[in-house]
Amino acid sequence: DHIMDMTTEDLLFAIASPPVTEQTVKALRACHQRHVPIIVMAHMSNFPASDTADVLINTESFGLPFPTVPLALAAEMLSTVIEQRITGTVPRVQQLEEFLRENRLSVWNTEDRLS
């Protein structure tokens, strides 16, 4: 029902990995017809609804064998940047990262990066 209420003032951010469902493609096409801006992050170069996306991020180029890993990494990095830019609540983001780390829920940990 959220898609039904979306307007040009909203943004649809879709994350997809194979296999992409028909429902996902239909949702993207419905938003595209309503001129809702769309960003798609997909782990495939031939995403079936790529023509609907205003921005298409292909995580396949990350070269990792498991599609969900680059998608999760990119989504976490993107959400952190968006949070910092939109609300300026860097301390809240840092609290979230610490909570995720303490509960071993974080996909990406800045302290565990490879050099």
PDB file of N, CA and C in Angstrom:
ATOM      1  N   ASP A   1       0.812  -1.205   0.000  1.00  0.00           N
ATOM      2  CA  ASP A   1       0.000   0.000   0.000  1.00  0.00           C
ATOM      3  C   ASP A   1       0.849   1.261   0.000  1.00  0.00           C
ATOM      4  N   HIS A   2       2.106   1.176   0.417  1.00  0.00           N
ATOM      5  CA  HIS A   2       2.979   2.354   0.398  1.00  0.00           C
ATOM      6  C   HIS A   2       3.257   2.807  -1.028  1.00  0.00           C
ATOM      7  N   ILE A   3       3.415   1.847  -1.923  1.00  0.00           N
ATOM      8  CA  ILE A   3       3.698   2.190  -3.314  1.00  0.00           C
ATOM      9  C   ILE A   3       2.538   2.972  -3.925  1.00  0.00           C
ATOM     10  N   MET A   4       1.331   2.624  -3.539  1.00  0.00           N
ATOM     11  CA  MET A   4       0.147   3.300  -4.059  1.00  0.00           C
ATOM     12  C   MET A   4       0.151   4.786  -3.695  1.00  0.00           C
ATOM     13  N   ASP A   5       0.737   5.135  -2.559  1.00  0.00           N
ATOM     14  CA  ASP A   5       0.736   6.514  -2.091  1.00  0.00           C
ATOM     15  C   ASP A   5       1.976   7.307  -2.495  1.00  0.00           C
ATOM     16  N   MET A   6       2.929   6.659  -3.170  1.00  0.00           N
ATOM     17  CA  MET A   6       4.167   7.347  -3.519  1.00  0.00           C
ATOM     18  C   MET A   6       3.941   8.391  -4.600  1.00  0.00           C
ATOM     19  N   THR A   7       4.689   9.490  -4.476  1.00  0.00           N
ATOM     20  CA  THR A   7       4.600  10.584  -5.444  1.00  0.00           C
ATOM     21  C   THR A   7       6.010  10.937  -5.917  1.00  0.00           C
ATOM     22  N   THR A   8       6.097  11.962  -6.735  1.00  0.00           N
ATOM     23  CA  THR A   8       7.401  12.425  -7.219  1.00  0.00           C
ATOM     24  C   THR A   8       8.261  12.991  -6.090  1.00  0.00           C
ATOM     25  N   GLU A   9       7.662  13.251  -4.945  1.00  0.00           N
ATOM     26  CA  GLU A   9       8.402  13.754  -3.784  1.00  0.00           C
ATOM     27  C   GLU A   9       9.073  12.628  -3.004  1.00  0.00           C
ATOM     28  N   ASP A  10       8.712  11.378  -3.301  1.00  0.00           N
ATOM     29  CA  ASP A  10       9.276  10.218  -2.621  1.00  0.00           C
ATOM     30  C   ASP A  10      10.434   9.653  -3.427  1.00  0.00           C
ATOM     31  N   LEU A  11      11.057   8.627  -2.878  1.00  0.00           N
ATOM     32  CA  LEU A  11      12.123   7.913  -3.566  1.00  0.00           C
ATOM     33  C   LEU A  11      11.979   6.436  -3.253  1.00  0.00           C
ATOM     34  N   LEU A  12      11.973   5.617  -4.288  1.00  0.00           N
ATOM     35  CA  LEU A  12      11.940   4.172  -4.101  1.00  0.00           C
ATOM     36  C   LEU A  12      13.365   3.663  -4.236  1.00  0.00           C
ATOM     37  N   PHE A  13      13.844   2.990  -3.192  1.00  0.00           N
ATOM     38  CA  PHE A  13      15.170   2.389  -3.204  1.00  0.00           C
ATOM     39  C   PHE A  13      14.977   0.888  -3.143  1.00  0.00           C
ATOM     40  N   ALA A  14      15.310   0.195  -4.229  1.00  0.00           N
ATOM     41  CA  ALA A  14      15.095  -1.249  -4.312  1.00  0.00           C
ATOM     42  C   ALA A  14      16.428  -1.976  -4.318  1.00  0.00           C
ATOM     43  N   ILE A  15      16.478  -3.077  -3.568  1.00  0.00           N
ATOM     44  CA  ILE A  15      17.658  -3.936  -3.537  1.00  0.00           C
ATOM     45  C   ILE A  15      17.229  -5.290  -4.085  1.00  0.00           C
ATOM     46  N   ALA A  16      17.967  -5.787  -5.078  1.00  0.00           N
ATOM     47  CA  ALA A  16      17.560  -7.035  -5.724  1.00  0.00           C
ATOM     48  C   ALA A  16      18.761  -7.922  -6.025  1.00  0.00           C
ATOM     49  N   SER A  17      18.534  -9.213  -5.850  1.00  0.00           N
ATOM     50  CA  SER A  17      19.517 -10.203  -6.285  1.00  0.00           C
ATOM     51  C   SER A  17      18.741 -11.337  -6.932  1.00  0.00           C
ATOM     52  N   PRO A  18      19.399 -12.072  -7.799  1.00  0.00           N
ATOM     53  CA  PRO A  18      18.690 -13.147  -8.506  1.00  0.00           C
ATOM     54  C   PRO A  18      18.137 -14.187  -7.546  1.00  0.00           C
ATOM     55  N   PRO A  19      16.990 -14.721  -7.800  1.00  0.00           N
ATOM     56  CA  PRO A  19      16.071 -14.371  -8.880  1.00  0.00           C
ATOM     57  C   PRO A  19      15.193 -13.187  -8.470  1.00  0.00           C
ATOM     58  N   VAL A  20      14.926 -12.301  -9.400  1.00  0.00           N
ATOM     59  CA  VAL A  20      14.061 -11.150  -9.156  1.00  0.00           C
ATOM     60  C   VAL A  20      12.621 -11.586  -9.385  1.00  0.00           C
ATOM     61  N   THR A  21      11.755 -11.275  -8.435  1.00  0.00           N
ATOM     62  CA  THR A  21      10.369 -11.707  -8.552  1.00  0.00           C
ATOM     63  C   THR A  21       9.579 -10.795  -9.485  1.00  0.00           C
ATOM     64  N   GLU A  22       8.522 -11.343 -10.022  1.00  0.00           N
ATOM     65  CA  GLU A  22       7.621 -10.570 -10.873  1.00  0.00           C
ATOM     66  C   GLU A  22       6.996  -9.428 -10.077  1.00  0.00           C
ATOM     67  N   GLN A  23       6.742  -9.663  -8.801  1.00  0.00           N
ATOM     68  CA  GLN A  23       6.167  -8.634  -7.930  1.00  0.00           C
ATOM     69  C   GLN A  23       7.104  -7.430  -7.822  1.00  0.00           C
ATOM     70  N   THR A  24       8.403  -7.681  -7.719  1.00  0.00           N
ATOM     71  CA  THR A  24       9.377  -6.587  -7.653  1.00  0.00           C
ATOM     72  C   THR A  24       9.360  -5.782  -8.942  1.00  0.00           C
ATOM     73  N   VAL A  25       9.359  -6.459 -10.069  1.00  0.00           N
ATOM     74  CA  VAL A  25       9.337  -5.775 -11.368  1.00  0.00           C
ATOM     75  C   VAL A  25       8.062  -4.952 -11.512  1.00  0.00           C
ATOM     76  N   LYS A  26       6.932  -5.519 -11.123  1.00  0.00           N
ATOM     77  CA  LYS A  26       5.656  -4.789 -11.221  1.00  0.00           C
ATOM     78  C   LYS A  26       5.655  -3.551 -10.322  1.00  0.00           C
ATOM     79  N   ALA A  27       6.203  -3.667  -9.137  1.00  0.00           N
ATOM     80  CA  ALA A  27       6.262  -2.519  -8.218  1.00  0.00           C
ATOM     81  C   ALA A  27       7.127  -1.410  -8.806  1.00  0.00           C
ATOM     82  N   LEU A  28       8.262  -1.779  -9.375  1.00  0.00           N
ATOM     83  CA  LEU A  28       9.131  -0.784 -10.003  1.00  0.00           C
ATOM     84  C   LEU A  28       8.443  -0.112 -11.185  1.00  0.00           C
ATOM     85  N   ARG A  29       7.774  -0.905 -12.002  1.00  0.00           N
ATOM     86  CA  ARG A  29       7.085  -0.340 -13.171  1.00  0.00           C
ATOM     87  C   ARG A  29       5.940   0.597 -12.742  1.00  0.00           C
ATOM     88  N   ALA A  30       5.218   0.228 -11.692  1.00  0.00           N
ATOM     89  CA  ALA A  30       4.127   1.079 -11.196  1.00  0.00           C
ATOM     90  C   ALA A  30       4.663   2.419 -10.707  1.00  0.00           C
ATOM     91  N   CYS A  31       5.762   2.388  -9.986  1.00  0.00           N
ATOM     92  CA  CYS A  31       6.356   3.643  -9.505  1.00  0.00           C
ATOM     93  C   CYS A  31       6.922   4.460 -10.658  1.00  0.00           C
ATOM     94  N   HIS A  32       7.525   3.784 -11.619  1.00  0.00           N
ATOM     95  CA  HIS A  32       8.083   4.467 -12.784  1.00  0.00           C
ATOM     96  C   HIS A  32       6.981   5.202 -13.554  1.00  0.00           C
ATOM     97  N   GLN A  33       5.825   4.561 -13.703  1.00  0.00           N
ATOM     98  CA  GLN A  33       4.703   5.191 -14.404  1.00  0.00           C
ATOM     99  C   GLN A  33       4.192   6.420 -13.658  1.00  0.00           C
ATOM    100  N   ARG A  34       4.375   6.432 -12.344  1.00  0.00           N
ATOM    101  CA  ARG A  34       3.927   7.576 -11.538  1.00  0.00           C
ATOM    102  C   ARG A  34       5.037   8.605 -11.366  1.00  0.00           C
ATOM    103  N   HIS A  35       6.155   8.419 -12.063  1.00  0.00           N
ATOM    104  CA  HIS A  35       7.306   9.333 -12.044  1.00  0.00           C
ATOM    105  C   HIS A  35       7.960   9.436 -10.668  1.00  0.00           C
ATOM    106  N   VAL A  36       7.887   8.350  -9.916  1.00  0.00           N
ATOM    107  CA  VAL A  36       8.580   8.288  -8.628  1.00  0.00           C
ATOM    108  C   VAL A  36      10.053   8.025  -8.919  1.00  0.00           C
ATOM    109  N   PRO A  37      10.969   8.823  -8.376  1.00  0.00           N
ATOM    110  CA  PRO A  37      12.392   8.548  -8.586  1.00  0.00           C
ATOM    111  C   PRO A  37      12.754   7.165  -8.017  1.00  0.00           C
ATOM    112  N   ILE A  38      13.575   6.420  -8.769  1.00  0.00           N
ATOM    113  CA  ILE A  38      13.904   5.044  -8.382  1.00  0.00           C
ATOM    114  C   ILE A  38      15.413   4.825  -8.425  1.00  0.00           C
ATOM    115  N   ILE A  39      15.936   4.275  -7.332  1.00  0.00           N
ATOM    116  CA  ILE A  39      17.317   3.807  -7.279  1.00  0.00           C
ATOM    117  C   ILE A  39      17.255   2.302  -7.078  1.00  0.00           C
ATOM    118  N   VAL A  40      17.936   1.561  -7.934  1.00  0.00           N
ATOM    119  CA  VAL A  40      17.977   0.108  -7.819  1.00  0.00           C
ATOM    120  C   VAL A  40      19.421  -0.325  -7.581  1.00  0.00           C
ATOM    121  N   MET A  41      19.613  -1.130  -6.544  1.00  0.00           N
ATOM    122  CA  MET A  41      20.897  -1.754  -6.302  1.00  0.00           C
ATOM    123  C   MET A  41      20.711  -3.236  -6.572  1.00  0.00           C
ATOM    124  N   ALA A  42      21.382  -3.742  -7.594  1.00  0.00           N
ATOM    125  CA  ALA A  42      21.177  -5.128  -8.007  1.00  0.00           C
ATOM    126  C   ALA A  42      22.508  -5.835  -8.193  1.00  0.00           C
ATOM    127  N   HIS A  43      22.514  -7.122  -7.916  1.00  0.00           N
ATOM    128  CA  HIS A  43      23.721  -7.932  -8.107  1.00  0.00           C
ATOM    129  C   HIS A  43      23.596  -8.703  -9.417  1.00  0.00           C
ATOM    130  N   MET A  44      23.397  -7.942 -10.488  1.00  0.00           N
ATOM    131  CA  MET A  44      23.290  -8.544 -11.816  1.00  0.00           C
ATOM    132  C   MET A  44      23.398  -7.444 -12.862  1.00  0.00           C
ATOM    133  N   SER A  45      24.054  -7.746 -13.944  1.00  0.00           N
ATOM    134  CA  SER A  45      24.199  -6.742 -14.998  1.00  0.00           C
ATOM    135  C   SER A  45      22.960  -6.655 -15.885  1.00  0.00           C
ATOM    136  N   ASN A  46      22.149  -7.711 -15.897  1.00  0.00           N
ATOM    137  CA  ASN A  46      20.951  -7.719 -16.751  1.00  0.00           C
ATOM    138  C   ASN A  46      19.680  -7.668 -15.904  1.00  0.00           C
ATOM    139  N   PHE A  47      19.571  -6.681 -15.030  1.00  0.00           N
ATOM    140  CA  PHE A  47      18.405  -6.536 -14.164  1.00  0.00           C
ATOM    141  C   PHE A  47      17.164  -6.346 -15.019  1.00  0.00           C
ATOM    142  N   PRO A  48      16.105  -7.155 -14.791  1.00  0.00           N
ATOM    143  CA  PRO A  48      14.939  -7.148 -15.678  1.00  0.00           C
ATOM    144  C   PRO A  48      14.169  -5.831 -15.763  1.00  0.00           C
ATOM    145  N   ALA A  49      14.276  -4.978 -14.784  1.00  0.00           N
ATOM    146  CA  ALA A  49      13.542  -3.712 -14.823  1.00  0.00           C
ATOM    147  C   ALA A  49      14.502  -2.522 -14.799  1.00  0.00           C
ATOM    148  N   SER A  50      15.674  -2.707 -15.394  1.00  0.00           N
ATOM    149  CA  SER A  50      16.676  -1.638 -15.365  1.00  0.00           C
ATOM    150  C   SER A  50      16.187  -0.358 -16.042  1.00  0.00           C
ATOM    151  N   ASP A  51      15.266  -0.487 -16.975  1.00  0.00           N
ATOM    152  CA  ASP A  51      14.729   0.693 -17.657  1.00  0.00           C
ATOM    153  C   ASP A  51      13.881   1.564 -16.739  1.00  0.00           C
ATOM    154  N   THR A  52      13.472   1.062 -15.586  1.00  0.00           N
ATOM    155  CA  THR A  52      12.663   1.850 -14.656  1.00  0.00           C
ATOM    156  C   THR A  52      13.529   2.688 -13.725  1.00  0.00           C
ATOM    157  N   ALA A  53      14.796   2.336 -13.582  1.00  0.00           N
ATOM    158  CA  ALA A  53      15.658   2.977 -12.595  1.00  0.00           C
ATOM    159  C   ALA A  53      16.231   4.296 -13.098  1.00  0.00           C
ATOM    160  N   ASP A  54      16.185   5.287 -12.234  1.00  0.00           N
ATOM    161  CA  ASP A  54      16.873   6.546 -12.521  1.00  0.00           C
ATOM    162  C   ASP A  54      18.367   6.359 -12.259  1.00  0.00           C
ATOM    163  N   VAL A  55      18.664   5.532 -11.251  1.00  0.00           N
ATOM    164  CA  VAL A  55      20.050   5.178 -10.925  1.00  0.00           C
ATOM    165  C   VAL A  55      20.083   3.673 -10.711  1.00  0.00           C
ATOM    166  N   LEU A  56      21.002   2.999 -11.396  1.00  0.00           N
ATOM    167  CA  LEU A  56      21.168   1.554 -11.255  1.00  0.00           C
ATOM    168  C   LEU A  56      22.584   1.288 -10.754  1.00  0.00           C
ATOM    169  N   ILE A  57      22.685   0.696  -9.567  1.00  0.00           N
ATOM    170  CA  ILE A  57      23.978   0.356  -8.975  1.00  0.00           C
ATOM    171  C   ILE A  57      24.153  -1.149  -9.116  1.00  0.00           C
ATOM    172  N   ASN A  58      25.162  -1.548  -9.874  1.00  0.00           N
ATOM    173  CA  ASN A  58      25.415  -2.965 -10.110  1.00  0.00           C
ATOM    174  C   ASN A  58      26.524  -3.428  -9.169  1.00  0.00           C
ATOM    175  N   THR A  59      26.165  -4.184  -8.134  1.00  0.00           N
ATOM    176  CA  THR A  59      27.159  -4.651  -7.157  1.00  0.00           C
ATOM    177  C   THR A  59      27.888  -5.892  -7.642  1.00  0.00           C
ATOM    178  N   GLU A  60      27.520  -6.411  -8.801  1.00  0.00           N
ATOM    179  CA  GLU A  60      28.201  -7.575  -9.365  1.00  0.00           C
ATOM    180  C   GLU A  60      29.682  -7.276  -9.587  1.00  0.00           C
ATOM    181  N   SER A  61      29.984  -6.008  -9.836  1.00  0.00           N
ATOM    182  CA  SER A  61      31.362  -5.606 -10.098  1.00  0.00           C
ATOM    183  C   SER A  61      32.244  -5.666  -8.852  1.00  0.00           C
ATOM    184  N   PHE A  62      31.651  -5.879  -7.668  1.00  0.00           N
ATOM    185  CA  PHE A  62      32.448  -5.991  -6.445  1.00  0.00           C
ATOM    186  C   PHE A  62      33.308  -7.247  -6.469  1.00  0.00           C
ATOM    187  N   GLY A  63      32.903  -8.237  -7.277  1.00  0.00           N
ATOM    188  CA  GLY A  63      33.692  -9.443  -7.424  1.00  0.00           C
ATOM    189  C   GLY A  63      33.593 -10.430  -6.281  1.00  0.00           C
ATOM    190  N   LEU A  64      32.607 -10.304  -5.426  1.00  0.00           N
ATOM    191  CA  LEU A  64      32.445 -11.250  -4.324  1.00  0.00           C
ATOM    192  C   LEU A  64      31.514 -12.380  -4.761  1.00  0.00           C
ATOM    193  N   PRO A  65      31.749 -13.603  -4.295  1.00  0.00           N
ATOM    194  CA  PRO A  65      30.983 -14.750  -4.786  1.00  0.00           C
ATOM    195  C   PRO A  65      29.531 -14.823  -4.315  1.00  0.00           C
ATOM    196  N   PHE A  66      29.207 -14.191  -3.202  1.00  0.00           N
ATOM    197  CA  PHE A  66      27.850 -14.287  -2.661  1.00  0.00           C
ATOM    198  C   PHE A  66      27.123 -12.962  -2.893  1.00  0.00           C
ATOM    199  N   PRO A  67      26.031 -12.966  -3.639  1.00  0.00           N
ATOM    200  CA  PRO A  67      25.364 -11.715  -4.010  1.00  0.00           C
ATOM    201  C   PRO A  67      24.869 -10.895  -2.834  1.00  0.00           C
ATOM    202  N   THR A  68      24.481 -11.525  -1.747  1.00  0.00           N
ATOM    203  CA  THR A  68      23.927 -10.753  -0.631  1.00  0.00           C
ATOM    204  C   THR A  68      24.996  -9.960   0.112  1.00  0.00           C
ATOM    205  N   VAL A  69      26.245 -10.401   0.068  1.00  0.00           N
ATOM    206  CA  VAL A  69      27.307  -9.692   0.786  1.00  0.00           C
ATOM    207  C   VAL A  69      27.530  -8.296   0.215  1.00  0.00           C
ATOM    208  N   PRO A  70      27.794  -8.148  -1.095  1.00  0.00           N
ATOM    209  CA  PRO A  70      27.985  -6.779  -1.599  1.00  0.00           C
ATOM    210  C   PRO A  70      26.729  -5.931  -1.487  1.00  0.00           C
ATOM    211  N   LEU A  71      25.559  -6.539  -1.648  1.00  0.00           N
ATOM    212  CA  LEU A  71      24.315  -5.776  -1.503  1.00  0.00           C
ATOM    213  C   LEU A  71      24.191  -5.245  -0.085  1.00  0.00           C
ATOM    214  N   ALA A  72      24.453  -6.089   0.895  1.00  0.00           N
ATOM    215  CA  ALA A  72      24.349  -5.671   2.294  1.00  0.00           C
ATOM    216  C   ALA A  72      25.398  -4.617   2.629  1.00  0.00           C
ATOM    217  N   LEU A  73      26.620  -4.810   2.155  1.00  0.00           N
ATOM    218  CA  LEU A  73      27.673  -3.823   2.408  1.00  0.00           C
ATOM    219  C   LEU A  73      27.313  -2.470   1.802  1.00  0.00           C
ATOM    220  N   ALA A  74      26.904  -2.485   0.562  1.00  0.00           N
ATOM    221  CA  ALA A  74      26.559  -1.234  -0.108  1.00  0.00           C
ATOM    222  C   ALA A  74      25.354  -0.567   0.549  1.00  0.00           C
ATOM    223  N   ALA A  75      24.354  -1.354   0.926  1.00  0.00           N
ATOM    224  CA  ALA A  75      23.166  -0.796   1.578  1.00  0.00           C
ATOM    225  C   ALA A  75      23.517  -0.177   2.922  1.00  0.00           C
ATOM    226  N   GLU A  76      24.373  -0.837   3.685  1.00  0.00           N
ATOM    227  CA  GLU A  76      24.761  -0.292   4.985  1.00  0.00           C
ATOM    228  C   GLU A  76      25.560   1.000   4.828  1.00  0.00           C
ATOM    229  N   MET A  77      26.484   1.015   3.879  1.00  0.00           N
ATOM    230  CA  MET A  77      27.260   2.236   3.651  1.00  0.00           C
ATOM    231  C   MET A  77      26.366   3.373   3.173  1.00  0.00           C
ATOM    232  N   LEU A  78      25.468   3.065   2.249  1.00  0.00           N
ATOM    233  CA  LEU A  78      24.575   4.080   1.721  1.00  0.00           C
ATOM    234  C   LEU A  78      23.647   4.631   2.794  1.00  0.00           C
ATOM    235  N   SER A  79      23.095   3.757   3.618  1.00  0.00           N
ATOM    236  CA  SER A  79      22.186   4.221   4.672  1.00  0.00           C
ATOM    237  C   SER A  79      22.920   5.099   5.679  1.00  0.00           C
ATOM    238  N   THR A  80      24.177   4.800   5.961  1.00  0.00           N
ATOM    239  CA  THR A  80      24.963   5.624   6.882  1.00  0.00           C
ATOM    240  C   THR A  80      25.185   7.010   6.300  1.00  0.00           C
ATOM    241  N   VAL A  81      25.536   7.070   5.020  1.00  0.00           N
ATOM    242  CA  VAL A  81      25.760   8.361   4.371  1.00  0.00           C
ATOM    243  C   VAL A  81      24.468   9.168   4.313  1.00  0.00           C
ATOM    244  N   ILE A  82      23.375   8.519   3.958  1.00  0.00           N
ATOM    245  CA  ILE A  82      22.091   9.219   3.888  1.00  0.00           C
ATOM    246  C   ILE A  82      21.706   9.756   5.265  1.00  0.00           C
ATOM    247  N   GLU A  83      21.860   8.943   6.288  1.00  0.00           N
ATOM    248  CA  GLU A  83      21.537   9.375   7.653  1.00  0.00           C
ATOM    249  C   GLU A  83      22.358  10.598   8.043  1.00  0.00           C
ATOM    250  N   GLN A  84      23.631  10.592   7.735  1.00  0.00           N
ATOM    251  CA  GLN A  84      24.485  11.727   8.084  1.00  0.00           C
ATOM    252  C   GLN A  84      24.083  12.981   7.330  1.00  0.00           C
ATOM    253  N   ARG A  85      23.742  12.831   6.065  1.00  0.00           N
ATOM    254  CA  ARG A  85      23.412  14.007   5.251  1.00  0.00           C
ATOM    255  C   ARG A  85      22.033  14.564   5.545  1.00  0.00           C
ATOM    256  N   ILE A  86      21.061  13.687   5.773  1.00  0.00           N
ATOM    257  CA  ILE A  86      19.689  14.154   5.961  1.00  0.00           C
ATOM    258  C   ILE A  86      19.479  14.772   7.340  1.00  0.00           C
ATOM    259  N   THR A  87      19.915  14.090   8.363  1.00  0.00           N
ATOM    260  CA  THR A  87      19.594  14.558   9.715  1.00  0.00           C
ATOM    261  C   THR A  87      20.793  15.096  10.480  1.00  0.00           C
ATOM    262  N   GLY A  88      21.989  14.812  10.011  1.00  0.00           N
ATOM    263  CA  GLY A  88      23.164  15.285  10.712  1.00  0.00           C
ATOM    264  C   GLY A  88      23.358  14.615  12.059  1.00  0.00           C
ATOM    265  N   THR A  89      22.764  13.445  12.244  1.00  0.00           N
ATOM    266  CA  THR A  89      22.841  12.776  13.538  1.00  0.00           C
ATOM    267  C   THR A  89      23.960  11.740  13.551  1.00  0.00           C
ATOM    268  N   VAL A  90      25.176  12.213  13.375  1.00  0.00           N
ATOM    269  CA  VAL A  90      26.318  11.314  13.381  1.00  0.00           C
ATOM    270  C   VAL A  90      26.411  10.530  14.689  1.00  0.00           C
ATOM    271  N   PRO A  91      26.187  11.152  15.862  1.00  0.00           N
ATOM    272  CA  PRO A  91      26.250  10.369  17.103  1.00  0.00           C
ATOM    273  C   PRO A  91      25.245   9.208  17.122  1.00  0.00           C
ATOM    274  N   ARG A  92      24.058   9.408  16.583  1.00  0.00           N
ATOM    275  CA  ARG A  92      23.054   8.345  16.556  1.00  0.00           C
ATOM    276  C   ARG A  92      23.519   7.192  15.666  1.00  0.00           C
ATOM    277  N   VAL A  93      24.125   7.514  14.535  1.00  0.00           N
ATOM    278  CA  VAL A  93      24.643   6.487  13.648  1.00  0.00           C
ATOM    279  C   VAL A  93      25.758   5.720  14.355  1.00  0.00           C
ATOM    280  N   GLN A  94      26.607   6.431  15.083  1.00  0.00           N
ATOM    281  CA  GLN A  94      27.686   5.766  15.818  1.00  0.00           C
ATOM    282  C   GLN A  94      27.116   4.854  16.902  1.00  0.00           C
ATOM    283  N   GLN A  95      26.041   5.284  17.566  1.00  0.00           N
ATOM    284  CA  GLN A  95      25.386   4.436  18.568  1.00  0.00           C
ATOM    285  C   GLN A  95      24.826   3.179  17.918  1.00  0.00           C
ATOM    286  N   LEU A  96      24.225   3.335  16.752  1.00  0.00           N
ATOM    287  CA  LEU A  96      23.672   2.192  16.035  1.00  0.00           C
ATOM    288  C   LEU A  96      24.782   1.215  15.650  1.00  0.00           C
ATOM    289  N   GLU A  97      25.875   1.737  15.116  1.00  0.00           N
ATOM    290  CA  GLU A  97      26.991   0.868  14.745  1.00  0.00           C
ATOM    291  C   GLU A  97      27.525   0.111  15.966  1.00  0.00           C
ATOM    292  N   GLU A  98      27.636   0.794  17.109  1.00  0.00           N
ATOM    293  CA  GLU A  98      28.119   0.143  18.328  1.00  0.00           C
ATOM    294  C   GLU A  98      27.139  -0.935  18.792  1.00  0.00           C
ATOM    295  N   PHE A  99      25.841  -0.632  18.752  1.00  0.00           N
ATOM    296  CA  PHE A  99      24.825  -1.619  19.126  1.00  0.00           C
ATOM    297  C   PHE A  99      24.908  -2.855  18.240  1.00  0.00           C
ATOM    298  N   LEU A 100      25.007  -2.633  16.935  1.00  0.00           N
ATOM    299  CA  LEU A 100      25.101  -3.751  15.996  1.00  0.00           C
ATOM    300  C   LEU A 100      26.362  -4.574  16.251  1.00  0.00           C
ATOM    301  N   ARG A 101      27.469  -3.885  16.500  1.00  0.00           N
ATOM    302  CA  ARG A 101      28.730  -4.578  16.760  1.00  0.00           C
ATOM    303  C   ARG A 101      28.646  -5.404  18.037  1.00  0.00           C
ATOM    304  N   GLU A 102      28.112  -4.818  19.109  1.00  0.00           N
ATOM    305  CA  GLU A 102      27.999  -5.511  20.400  1.00  0.00           C
ATOM    306  C   GLU A 102      27.115  -6.745  20.307  1.00  0.00           C
ATOM    307  N   ASN A 103      26.089  -6.664  19.465  1.00  0.00           N
ATOM    308  CA  ASN A 103      25.159  -7.777  19.325  1.00  0.00           C
ATOM    309  C   ASN A 103      25.483  -8.665  18.126  1.00  0.00           C
ATOM    310  N   ARG A 104      26.654  -8.448  17.566  1.00  0.00           N
ATOM    311  CA  ARG A 104      27.142  -9.236  16.423  1.00  0.00           C
ATOM    312  C   ARG A 104      26.119  -9.272  15.286  1.00  0.00           C
ATOM    313  N   LEU A 105      25.507  -8.103  15.018  1.00  0.00           N
ATOM    314  CA  LEU A 105      24.506  -7.993  13.969  1.00  0.00           C
ATOM    315  C   LEU A 105      25.032  -7.238  12.749  1.00  0.00           C
ATOM    316  N   SER A 106      26.168  -6.607  12.897  1.00  0.00           N
ATOM    317  CA  SER A 106      26.687  -5.779  11.825  1.00  0.00           C
ATOM    318  C   SER A 106      27.305  -6.623  10.725  1.00  0.00           C
ATOM    319  N   VAL A 107      26.974  -6.287   9.487  1.00  0.00           N
ATOM    320  CA  VAL A 107      27.550  -6.976   8.336  1.00  0.00           C
ATOM    321  C   VAL A 107      28.945  -6.427   8.074  1.00  0.00           C
ATOM    322  N   TRP A 108      29.119  -5.152   8.314  1.00  0.00           N
ATOM    323  CA  TRP A 108      30.391  -4.483   8.005  1.00  0.00           C
ATOM    324  C   TRP A 108      30.852  -3.765   9.245  1.00  0.00           C
ATOM    325  N   ASN A 109      32.061  -4.039   9.662  1.00  0.00           N
ATOM    326  CA  ASN A 109      32.615  -3.439  10.868  1.00  0.00           C
ATOM    327  C   ASN A 109      33.869  -2.690  10.481  1.00  0.00           C
ATOM    328  N   THR A 110      33.928  -1.397  10.776  1.00  0.00           N
ATOM    329  CA  THR A 110      35.081  -0.588  10.387  1.00  0.00           C
ATOM    330  C   THR A 110      36.350  -1.068  11.056  1.00  0.00           C
ATOM    331  N   GLU A 111      36.254  -1.718  12.199  1.00  0.00           N
ATOM    332  CA  GLU A 111      37.443  -2.202  12.901  1.00  0.00           C
ATOM    333  C   GLU A 111      37.983  -3.494  12.291  1.00  0.00           C
ATOM    334  N   ASP A 112      37.177  -4.196  11.489  1.00  0.00           N
ATOM    335  CA  ASP A 112      37.595  -5.469  10.927  1.00  0.00           C
ATOM    336  C   ASP A 112      37.996  -5.382   9.465  1.00  0.00           C
ATOM    337  N   ARG A 113      38.155  -4.180   8.935  1.00  0.00           N
ATOM    338  CA  ARG A 113      38.491  -4.044   7.518  1.00  0.00           C
ATOM    339  C   ARG A 113      39.865  -4.616   7.226  1.00  0.00           C
ATOM    340  N   LEU A 114      39.997  -5.165   6.028  1.00  0.00           N
ATOM    341  CA  LEU A 114      41.305  -5.648   5.585  1.00  0.00           C
ATOM    342  C   LEU A 114      42.161  -4.473   5.166  1.00  0.00           C
ATOM    343  N   SER A 115      43.426  -4.531   5.448  1.00  0.00           N
ATOM    344  CA  SER A 115      44.342  -3.434   5.060  1.00  0.00           C
ATOM    345  C   SER A 115      44.758  -3.558   3.630  1.00  0.00           C
TER     346      SER A 115
END
